[in-house]
ModelCIF file with pLDDT and N, C-alpha, C, O atoms, coordinates in Angstrom:
data_MODEL
#
_entry.id   MODEL 
#
_entity.id                         1 
_entity.type                       polymer 
_entity.pdbx_number_of_molecules   1 
#
_entity_poly.entity_id                      1 
_entity_poly.type                           'polypeptide(L)' 
_entity_poly.nstd_linkage                   no 
_entity_poly.nstd_monomer                   no 
_entity_poly.pdbx_seq_one_letter_code       
;(UNK)(UNK)(UNK)(UNK)(UNK)(UNK)(UNK)(UNK)(UNK)(UNK)(UNK)(UNK)(UNK)(UNK)(UNK)(UNK)
(UNK)(UNK)(UNK)(UNK)(UNK)(UNK)(UNK)(UNK)(UNK)(UNK)(UNK)(UNK)(UNK)(UNK)(UNK)(UNK)
(UNK)(UNK)(UNK)(UNK)(UNK)(UNK)(UNK)(UNK)
;
_entity_poly.pdbx_seq_one_letter_code_can   XXXXXXXXXXXXXXXXXXXXXXXXXXXXXXXXXXXXXXXX 
_entity_poly.pdbx_strand_id                 A 
#
loop_
_entity_poly_seq.entity_id 
_entity_poly_seq.num 
_entity_poly_seq.mon_id 
_entity_poly_seq.hetero 
1 1  UNK n 
1 2  UNK n 
1 3  UNK n 
1 4  UNK n 
1 5  UNK n 
1 6  UNK n 
1 7  UNK n 
1 8  UNK n 
1 9  UNK n 
1 10 UNK n 
1 11 UNK n 
1 12 UNK n 
1 13 UNK n 
1 14 UNK n 
1 15 UNK n 
1 16 UNK n 
1 17 UNK n 
1 18 UNK n 
1 19 UNK n 
1 20 UNK n 
1 21 UNK n 
1 22 UNK n 
1 23 UNK n 
1 24 UNK n 
1 25 UNK n 
1 26 UNK n 
1 27 UNK n 
1 28 UNK n 
1 29 UNK n 
1 30 UNK n 
1 31 UNK n 
1 32 UNK n 
1 33 UNK n 
1 34 UNK n 
1 35 UNK n 
1 36 UNK n 
1 37 UNK n 
1 38 UNK n 
1 39 UNK n 
1 40 UNK n 
#
_struct_asym.id          A 
_struct_asym.entity_id   1 
#
loop_
_ma_qa_metric.id 
_ma_qa_metric.mode 
_ma_qa_metric.name 
_ma_qa_metric.software_group_id 
_ma_qa_metric.type 
1 global pLDDT . pLDDT 
2 local  pLDDT . pLDDT 
#
_ma_qa_metric_global.metric_id      1 
_ma_qa_metric_global.metric_value   87.97 
_ma_qa_metric_global.model_id       1 
_ma_qa_metric_global.ordinal_id     1 
#
loop_
_ma_qa_metric_local.label_asym_id 
_ma_qa_metric_local.label_comp_id 
_ma_qa_metric_local.label_seq_id 
_ma_qa_metric_local.metric_id 
_ma_qa_metric_local.metric_value 
_ma_qa_metric_local.model_id 
_ma_qa_metric_local.ordinal_id 
A UNK 1  2 86.00 1 1  
A UNK 2  2 89.00 1 2  
A UNK 3  2 88.00 1 3  
A UNK 4  2 87.00 1 4  
A UNK 5  2 87.00 1 5  
A UNK 6  2 85.00 1 6  
A UNK 7  2 87.00 1 7  
A UNK 8  2 86.00 1 8  
A UNK 9  2 85.00 1 9  
A UNK 10 2 85.00 1 10 
A UNK 11 2 86.00 1 11 
A UNK 12 2 85.00 1 12 
A UNK 13 2 83.00 1 13 
A UNK 14 2 84.00 1 14 
A UNK 15 2 85.00 1 15 
A UNK 16 2 85.00 1 16 
A UNK 17 2 85.00 1 17 
A UNK 18 2 85.00 1 18 
A UNK 19 2 86.00 1 19 
A UNK 20 2 86.00 1 20 
A UNK 21 2 87.00 1 21 
A UNK 22 2 88.00 1 22 
A UNK 23 2 89.00 1 23 
A UNK 24 2 89.00 1 24 
A UNK 25 2 91.00 1 25 
A UNK 26 2 91.00 1 26 
A UNK 27 2 90.00 1 27 
A UNK 28 2 92.00 1 28 
A UNK 29 2 91.00 1 29 
A UNK 30 2 92.00 1 30 
A UNK 31 2 91.00 1 31 
A UNK 32 2 91.00 1 32 
A UNK 33 2 91.00 1 33 
A UNK 34 2 92.00 1 34 
A UNK 35 2 92.00 1 35 
A UNK 36 2 90.00 1 36 
A UNK 37 2 90.00 1 37 
A UNK 38 2 89.00 1 38 
A UNK 39 2 89.00 1 39 
A UNK 40 2 89.00 1 40 
#
loop_
_atom_site.group_PDB 
_atom_site.id 
_atom_site.type_symbol 
_atom_site.label_atom_id 
_atom_site.label_alt_id 
_atom_site.label_comp_id 
_atom_site.label_asym_id 
_atom_site.label_entity_id 
_atom_site.label_seq_id 
_atom_site.pdbx_PDB_ins_code 
_atom_site.Cartn_x 
_atom_site.Cartn_y 
_atom_site.Cartn_z 
_atom_site.occupancy 
_atom_site.B_iso_or_equiv 
_atom_site.pdbx_formal_charge 
_atom_site.auth_seq_id 
_atom_site.auth_comp_id 
_atom_site.auth_asym_id 
_atom_site.auth_atom_id 
_atom_site.pdbx_PDB_model_num 
ATOM 1   N N  . UNK A 1 1  ? 79.170 131.276 143.339 1.00 86.00 ? 1  UNK A N  1 
ATOM 2   C CA . UNK A 1 1  ? 79.928 132.525 143.212 1.00 86.00 ? 1  UNK A CA 1 
ATOM 3   C C  . UNK A 1 1  ? 79.374 133.403 142.092 1.00 86.00 ? 1  UNK A C  1 
ATOM 4   O O  . UNK A 1 1  ? 79.307 134.625 142.229 1.00 86.00 ? 1  UNK A O  1 
ATOM 5   N N  . UNK A 1 2  ? 78.980 132.776 140.990 1.00 89.00 ? 2  UNK A N  1 
ATOM 6   C CA . UNK A 1 2  ? 78.364 133.546 139.898 1.00 89.00 ? 2  UNK A CA 1 
ATOM 7   C C  . UNK A 1 2  ? 77.063 134.174 140.368 1.00 89.00 ? 2  UNK A C  1 
ATOM 8   O O  . UNK A 1 2  ? 76.767 135.326 140.048 1.00 89.00 ? 2  UNK A O  1 
ATOM 9   N N  . UNK A 1 3  ? 76.295 133.419 141.122 1.00 88.00 ? 3  UNK A N  1 
ATOM 10  C CA . UNK A 1 3  ? 75.049 133.963 141.647 1.00 88.00 ? 3  UNK A CA 1 
ATOM 11  C C  . UNK A 1 3  ? 75.306 135.093 142.636 1.00 88.00 ? 3  UNK A C  1 
ATOM 12  O O  . UNK A 1 3  ? 74.557 136.070 142.678 1.00 88.00 ? 3  UNK A O  1 
ATOM 13  N N  . UNK A 1 4  ? 76.378 134.959 143.442 1.00 87.00 ? 4  UNK A N  1 
ATOM 14  C CA . UNK A 1 4  ? 76.717 136.038 144.363 1.00 87.00 ? 4  UNK A CA 1 
ATOM 15  C C  . UNK A 1 4  ? 77.095 137.307 143.610 1.00 87.00 ? 4  UNK A C  1 
ATOM 16  O O  . UNK A 1 4  ? 76.699 138.404 144.004 1.00 87.00 ? 4  UNK A O  1 
ATOM 17  N N  . UNK A 1 5  ? 77.863 137.164 142.526 1.00 87.00 ? 5  UNK A N  1 
ATOM 18  C CA . UNK A 1 5  ? 78.242 138.331 141.721 1.00 87.00 ? 5  UNK A CA 1 
ATOM 19  C C  . UNK A 1 5  ? 76.997 138.956 141.101 1.00 87.00 ? 5  UNK A C  1 
ATOM 20  O O  . UNK A 1 5  ? 76.865 140.179 141.057 1.00 87.00 ? 5  UNK A O  1 
ATOM 21  N N  . UNK A 1 6  ? 76.096 138.120 140.629 1.00 85.00 ? 6  UNK A N  1 
ATOM 22  C CA . UNK A 1 6  ? 74.870 138.631 140.025 1.00 85.00 ? 6  UNK A CA 1 
ATOM 23  C C  . UNK A 1 6  ? 74.021 139.371 141.062 1.00 85.00 ? 6  UNK A C  1 
ATOM 24  O O  . UNK A 1 6  ? 73.465 140.431 140.779 1.00 85.00 ? 6  UNK A O  1 
ATOM 25  N N  . UNK A 1 7  ? 73.931 138.809 142.244 1.00 87.00 ? 7  UNK A N  1 
ATOM 26  C CA . UNK A 1 7  ? 73.175 139.487 143.296 1.00 87.00 ? 7  UNK A CA 1 
ATOM 27  C C  . UNK A 1 7  ? 73.853 140.795 143.707 1.00 87.00 ? 7  UNK A C  1 
ATOM 28  O O  . UNK A 1 7  ? 73.185 141.787 143.997 1.00 87.00 ? 7  UNK A O  1 
ATOM 29  N N  . UNK A 1 8  ? 75.190 140.783 143.727 1.00 86.00 ? 8  UNK A N  1 
ATOM 30  C CA . UNK A 1 8  ? 75.913 142.006 144.082 1.00 86.00 ? 8  UNK A CA 1 
ATOM 31  C C  . UNK A 1 8  ? 75.673 143.095 143.037 1.00 86.00 ? 8  UNK A C  1 
ATOM 32  O O  . UNK A 1 8  ? 75.531 144.267 143.385 1.00 86.00 ? 8  UNK A O  1 
ATOM 33  N N  . UNK A 1 9  ? 75.627 142.714 141.766 1.00 85.00 ? 9  UNK A N  1 
ATOM 34  C CA . UNK A 1 9  ? 75.346 143.699 140.719 1.00 85.00 ? 9  UNK A CA 1 
ATOM 35  C C  . UNK A 1 9  ? 73.925 144.233 140.854 1.00 85.00 ? 9  UNK A C  1 
ATOM 36  O O  . UNK A 1 9  ? 73.688 145.430 140.693 1.00 85.00 ? 9  UNK A O  1 
ATOM 37  N N  . UNK A 1 10 ? 72.996 143.353 141.146 1.00 85.00 ? 10 UNK A N  1 
ATOM 38  C CA . UNK A 1 10 ? 71.618 143.821 141.335 1.00 85.00 ? 10 UNK A CA 1 
ATOM 39  C C  . UNK A 1 10 ? 71.517 144.726 142.553 1.00 85.00 ? 10 UNK A C  1 
ATOM 40  O O  . UNK A 1 10 ? 70.795 145.722 142.549 1.00 85.00 ? 10 UNK A O  1 
ATOM 41  N N  . UNK A 1 11 ? 72.265 144.355 143.610 1.00 86.00 ? 11 UNK A N  1 
ATOM 42  C CA . UNK A 1 11 ? 72.246 145.184 144.816 1.00 86.00 ? 11 UNK A CA 1 
ATOM 43  C C  . UNK A 1 11 ? 72.835 146.567 144.529 1.00 86.00 ? 11 UNK A C  1 
ATOM 44  O O  . UNK A 1 11 ? 72.318 147.583 144.994 1.00 86.00 ? 11 UNK A O  1 
ATOM 45  N N  . UNK A 1 12 ? 73.934 146.591 143.749 1.00 85.00 ? 12 UNK A N  1 
ATOM 46  C CA . UNK A 1 12 ? 74.531 147.878 143.390 1.00 85.00 ? 12 UNK A CA 1 
ATOM 47  C C  . UNK A 1 12 ? 73.573 148.697 142.533 1.00 85.00 ? 12 UNK A C  1 
ATOM 48  O O  . UNK A 1 12 ? 73.479 149.917 142.670 1.00 85.00 ? 12 UNK A O  1 
ATOM 49  N N  . UNK A 1 13 ? 72.862 147.998 141.642 1.00 83.00 ? 13 UNK A N  1 
ATOM 50  C CA . UNK A 1 13 ? 71.883 148.712 140.823 1.00 83.00 ? 13 UNK A CA 1 
ATOM 51  C C  . UNK A 1 13 ? 70.763 149.302 141.650 1.00 83.00 ? 13 UNK A C  1 
ATOM 52  O O  . UNK A 1 13 ? 70.313 150.419 141.391 1.00 83.00 ? 13 UNK A O  1 
ATOM 53  N N  . UNK A 1 14 ? 70.305 148.547 142.660 1.00 84.00 ? 14 UNK A N  1 
ATOM 54  C CA . UNK A 1 14 ? 69.245 149.084 143.530 1.00 84.00 ? 14 UNK A CA 1 
ATOM 55  C C  . UNK A 1 14 ? 69.756 150.252 144.358 1.00 84.00 ? 14 UNK A C  1 
ATOM 56  O O  . UNK A 1 14 ? 69.039 151.226 144.587 1.00 84.00 ? 14 UNK A O  1 
ATOM 57  N N  . UNK A 1 15 ? 71.029 150.144 144.815 1.00 85.00 ? 15 UNK A N  1 
ATOM 58  C CA . UNK A 1 15 ? 71.584 151.261 145.591 1.00 85.00 ? 15 UNK A CA 1 
ATOM 59  C C  . UNK A 1 15 ? 71.757 152.511 144.742 1.00 85.00 ? 15 UNK A C  1 
ATOM 60  O O  . UNK A 1 15 ? 71.666 153.622 145.263 1.00 85.00 ? 15 UNK A O  1 
ATOM 61  N N  . UNK A 1 16 ? 72.006 152.352 143.434 1.00 85.00 ? 16 UNK A N  1 
ATOM 62  C CA . UNK A 1 16 ? 72.209 153.486 142.535 1.00 85.00 ? 16 UNK A CA 1 
ATOM 63  C C  . UNK A 1 16 ? 70.910 153.953 141.886 1.00 85.00 ? 16 UNK A C  1 
ATOM 64  O O  . UNK A 1 16 ? 70.893 154.900 141.099 1.00 85.00 ? 16 UNK A O  1 
ATOM 65  N N  . UNK A 1 17 ? 69.838 153.275 142.230 1.00 85.00 ? 17 UNK A N  1 
ATOM 66  C CA . UNK A 1 17 ? 68.565 153.576 141.580 1.00 85.00 ? 17 UNK A CA 1 
ATOM 67  C C  . UNK A 1 17 ? 68.105 155.010 141.843 1.00 85.00 ? 17 UNK A C  1 
ATOM 68  O O  . UNK A 1 17 ? 67.569 155.661 140.946 1.00 85.00 ? 17 UNK A O  1 
ATOM 69  N N  . UNK A 1 18 ? 68.311 155.505 143.063 1.00 85.00 ? 18 UNK A N  1 
ATOM 70  C CA . UNK A 1 18 ? 67.883 156.873 143.382 1.00 85.00 ? 18 UNK A CA 1 
ATOM 71  C C  . UNK A 1 18 ? 68.669 157.901 142.564 1.00 85.00 ? 18 UNK A C  1 
ATOM 72  O O  . UNK A 1 18 ? 68.116 158.895 142.093 1.00 85.00 ? 18 UNK A O  1 
ATOM 73  N N  . UNK A 1 19 ? 69.975 157.639 142.407 1.00 86.00 ? 19 UNK A N  1 
ATOM 74  C CA . UNK A 1 19 ? 70.790 158.557 141.601 1.00 86.00 ? 19 UNK A CA 1 
ATOM 75  C C  . UNK A 1 19 ? 70.345 158.532 140.140 1.00 86.00 ? 19 UNK A C  1 
ATOM 76  O O  . UNK A 1 19 ? 70.262 159.579 139.497 1.00 86.00 ? 19 UNK A O  1 
ATOM 77  N N  . UNK A 1 20 ? 70.060 157.341 139.618 1.00 86.00 ? 20 UNK A N  1 
ATOM 78  C CA . UNK A 1 20 ? 69.601 157.230 138.234 1.00 86.00 ? 20 UNK A CA 1 
ATOM 79  C C  . UNK A 1 20 ? 68.254 157.924 138.062 1.00 86.00 ? 20 UNK A C  1 
ATOM 80  O O  . UNK A 1 20 ? 68.020 158.631 137.082 1.00 86.00 ? 20 UNK A O  1 
ATOM 81  N N  . UNK A 1 21 ? 67.377 157.704 139.035 1.00 87.00 ? 21 UNK A N  1 
ATOM 82  C CA . UNK A 1 21 ? 66.060 158.340 138.948 1.00 87.00 ? 21 UNK A CA 1 
ATOM 83  C C  . UNK A 1 21 ? 66.179 159.861 138.986 1.00 87.00 ? 21 UNK A C  1 
ATOM 84  O O  . UNK A 1 21 ? 65.455 160.574 138.292 1.00 87.00 ? 21 UNK A O  1 
ATOM 85  N N  . UNK A 1 22 ? 67.095 160.333 139.800 1.00 88.00 ? 22 UNK A N  1 
ATOM 86  C CA . UNK A 1 22 ? 67.311 161.787 139.869 1.00 88.00 ? 22 UNK A CA 1 
ATOM 87  C C  . UNK A 1 22 ? 67.758 162.328 138.523 1.00 88.00 ? 22 UNK A C  1 
ATOM 88  O O  . UNK A 1 22 ? 67.244 163.351 138.070 1.00 88.00 ? 22 UNK A O  1 
ATOM 89  N N  . UNK A 1 23 ? 68.712 161.660 137.869 1.00 89.00 ? 23 UNK A N  1 
ATOM 90  C CA . UNK A 1 23 ? 69.149 162.102 136.555 1.00 89.00 ? 23 UNK A CA 1 
ATOM 91  C C  . UNK A 1 23 ? 68.033 162.024 135.530 1.00 89.00 ? 23 UNK A C  1 
ATOM 92  O O  . UNK A 1 23 ? 67.928 162.877 134.648 1.00 89.00 ? 23 UNK A O  1 
ATOM 93  N N  . UNK A 1 24 ? 67.190 160.984 135.647 1.00 89.00 ? 24 UNK A N  1 
ATOM 94  C CA . UNK A 1 24 ? 66.113 160.813 134.680 1.00 89.00 ? 24 UNK A CA 1 
ATOM 95  C C  . UNK A 1 24 ? 65.069 161.920 134.772 1.00 89.00 ? 24 UNK A C  1 
ATOM 96  O O  . UNK A 1 24 ? 64.621 162.458 133.760 1.00 89.00 ? 24 UNK A O  1 
ATOM 97  N N  . UNK A 1 25 ? 64.693 162.248 135.998 1.00 91.00 ? 25 UNK A N  1 
ATOM 98  C CA . UNK A 1 25 ? 63.671 163.296 136.135 1.00 91.00 ? 25 UNK A CA 1 
ATOM 99  C C  . UNK A 1 25 ? 64.241 164.660 135.776 1.00 91.00 ? 25 UNK A C  1 
ATOM 100 O O  . UNK A 1 25 ? 63.512 165.511 135.265 1.00 91.00 ? 25 UNK A O  1 
ATOM 101 N N  . UNK A 1 26 ? 65.536 164.893 136.033 1.00 91.00 ? 26 UNK A N  1 
ATOM 102 C CA . UNK A 1 26 ? 66.151 166.162 135.623 1.00 91.00 ? 26 UNK A CA 1 
ATOM 103 C C  . UNK A 1 26 ? 66.233 166.253 134.104 1.00 91.00 ? 26 UNK A C  1 
ATOM 104 O O  . UNK A 1 26 ? 66.069 167.331 133.533 1.00 91.00 ? 26 UNK A O  1 
ATOM 105 N N  . UNK A 1 27 ? 66.488 165.119 133.451 1.00 90.00 ? 27 UNK A N  1 
ATOM 106 C CA . UNK A 1 27 ? 66.497 165.107 131.992 1.00 90.00 ? 27 UNK A CA 1 
ATOM 107 C C  . UNK A 1 27 ? 65.126 165.476 131.443 1.00 90.00 ? 27 UNK A C  1 
ATOM 108 O O  . UNK A 1 27 ? 65.011 166.250 130.493 1.00 90.00 ? 27 UNK A O  1 
ATOM 109 N N  . UNK A 1 28 ? 64.105 164.918 132.046 1.00 92.00 ? 28 UNK A N  1 
ATOM 110 C CA . UNK A 1 28 ? 62.743 165.232 131.590 1.00 92.00 ? 28 UNK A CA 1 
ATOM 111 C C  . UNK A 1 28 ? 62.448 166.717 131.752 1.00 92.00 ? 28 UNK A C  1 
ATOM 112 O O  . UNK A 1 28 ? 61.861 167.340 130.868 1.00 92.00 ? 28 UNK A O  1 
ATOM 113 N N  . UNK A 1 29 ? 62.856 167.278 132.880 1.00 91.00 ? 29 UNK A N  1 
ATOM 114 C CA . UNK A 1 29 ? 62.610 168.708 133.107 1.00 91.00 ? 29 UNK A CA 1 
ATOM 115 C C  . UNK A 1 29 ? 63.381 169.560 132.112 1.00 91.00 ? 29 UNK A C  1 
ATOM 116 O O  . UNK A 1 29 ? 62.865 170.569 131.632 1.00 91.00 ? 29 UNK A O  1 
ATOM 117 N N  . UNK A 1 30 ? 64.622 169.165 131.794 1.00 92.00 ? 30 UNK A N  1 
ATOM 118 C CA . UNK A 1 30 ? 65.413 169.924 130.807 1.00 92.00 ? 30 UNK A CA 1 
ATOM 119 C C  . UNK A 1 30 ? 64.746 169.888 129.439 1.00 92.00 ? 30 UNK A C  1 
ATOM 120 O O  . UNK A 1 30 ? 64.659 170.908 128.755 1.00 92.00 ? 30 UNK A O  1 
ATOM 121 N N  . UNK A 1 31 ? 64.277 168.711 129.045 1.00 91.00 ? 31 UNK A N  1 
ATOM 122 C CA . UNK A 1 31 ? 63.585 168.603 127.752 1.00 91.00 ? 31 UNK A CA 1 
ATOM 123 C C  . UNK A 1 31 ? 62.345 169.482 127.729 1.00 91.00 ? 31 UNK A C  1 
ATOM 124 O O  . UNK A 1 31 ? 62.058 170.143 126.732 1.00 91.00 ? 31 UNK A O  1 
ATOM 125 N N  . UNK A 1 32 ? 61.613 169.482 128.836 1.00 91.00 ? 32 UNK A N  1 
ATOM 126 C CA . UNK A 1 32 ? 60.414 170.322 128.908 1.00 91.00 ? 32 UNK A CA 1 
ATOM 127 C C  . UNK A 1 32 ? 60.773 171.801 128.778 1.00 91.00 ? 32 UNK A C  1 
ATOM 128 O O  . UNK A 1 32 ? 60.049 172.551 128.123 1.00 91.00 ? 32 UNK A O  1 
ATOM 129 N N  . UNK A 1 33 ? 61.882 172.236 129.392 1.00 91.00 ? 33 UNK A N  1 
ATOM 130 C CA . UNK A 1 33 ? 62.288 173.643 129.309 1.00 91.00 ? 33 UNK A CA 1 
ATOM 131 C C  . UNK A 1 33 ? 62.658 174.024 127.879 1.00 91.00 ? 33 UNK A C  1 
ATOM 132 O O  . UNK A 1 33 ? 62.296 175.096 127.395 1.00 91.00 ? 33 UNK A O  1 
ATOM 133 N N  . UNK A 1 34 ? 63.395 173.116 127.204 1.00 92.00 ? 34 UNK A N  1 
ATOM 134 C CA . UNK A 1 34 ? 63.754 173.392 125.810 1.00 92.00 ? 34 UNK A CA 1 
ATOM 135 C C  . UNK A 1 34 ? 62.500 173.488 124.947 1.00 92.00 ? 34 UNK A C  1 
ATOM 136 O O  . UNK A 1 34 ? 62.392 174.367 124.092 1.00 92.00 ? 34 UNK A O  1 
ATOM 137 N N  . UNK A 1 35 ? 61.547 172.570 125.179 1.00 92.00 ? 35 UNK A N  1 
ATOM 138 C CA . UNK A 1 35 ? 60.308 172.600 124.415 1.00 92.00 ? 35 UNK A CA 1 
ATOM 139 C C  . UNK A 1 35 ? 59.524 173.881 124.683 1.00 92.00 ? 35 UNK A C  1 
ATOM 140 O O  . UNK A 1 35 ? 58.945 174.474 123.773 1.00 92.00 ? 35 UNK A O  1 
ATOM 141 N N  . UNK A 1 36 ? 59.517 174.295 125.942 1.00 90.00 ? 36 UNK A N  1 
ATOM 142 C CA . UNK A 1 36 ? 58.795 175.520 126.285 1.00 90.00 ? 36 UNK A CA 1 
ATOM 143 C C  . UNK A 1 36 ? 59.432 176.735 125.601 1.00 90.00 ? 36 UNK A C  1 
ATOM 144 O O  . UNK A 1 36 ? 58.732 177.624 125.114 1.00 90.00 ? 36 UNK A O  1 
ATOM 145 N N  . UNK A 1 37 ? 60.786 176.759 125.572 1.00 90.00 ? 37 UNK A N  1 
ATOM 146 C CA . UNK A 1 37 ? 61.493 177.854 124.897 1.00 90.00 ? 37 UNK A CA 1 
ATOM 147 C C  . UNK A 1 37 ? 61.175 177.863 123.408 1.00 90.00 ? 37 UNK A C  1 
ATOM 148 O O  . UNK A 1 37 ? 60.939 178.915 122.813 1.00 90.00 ? 37 UNK A O  1 
ATOM 149 N N  . UNK A 1 38 ? 61.172 176.651 122.807 1.00 89.00 ? 38 UNK A N  1 
ATOM 150 C CA . UNK A 1 38 ? 60.872 176.565 121.382 1.00 89.00 ? 38 UNK A CA 1 
ATOM 151 C C  . UNK A 1 38 ? 59.444 176.984 121.084 1.00 89.00 ? 38 UNK A C  1 
ATOM 152 O O  . UNK A 1 38 ? 59.188 177.643 120.076 1.00 89.00 ? 38 UNK A O  1 
ATOM 153 N N  . UNK A 1 39 ? 58.515 176.612 121.945 1.00 89.00 ? 39 UNK A N  1 
ATOM 154 C CA . UNK A 1 39 ? 57.124 176.986 121.728 1.00 89.00 ? 39 UNK A CA 1 
ATOM 155 C C  . UNK A 1 39 ? 56.925 178.505 121.811 1.00 89.00 ? 39 UNK A C  1 
ATOM 156 O O  . UNK A 1 39 ? 56.149 179.084 121.051 1.00 89.00 ? 39 UNK A O  1 
ATOM 157 N N  . UNK A 1 40 ? 57.641 179.135 122.750 1.00 89.00 ? 40 UNK A N  1 
ATOM 158 C CA . UNK A 1 40 ? 57.539 180.605 122.861 1.00 89.00 ? 40 UNK A CA 1 
ATOM 159 C C  . UNK A 1 40 ? 58.089 181.268 121.603 1.00 89.00 ? 40 UNK A C  1 
ATOM 160 O O  . UNK A 1 40 ? 58.092 182.495 121.503 1.00 89.00 ? 40 UNK A O  1 
#
C-alpha cells in the first residue's frame, strides 16, 4: 500500500509535469523581460 501511494504520487507528478513546465518557462520569459527592461 505504501508503494501504491508512492507510485500514485509519482503518477500525479508526471501528470502535472506539463503544467509545471509551462509555469517554469513563463517564469524564465518574465525574468528575461525584466532584464531587458533594466538593460534599456
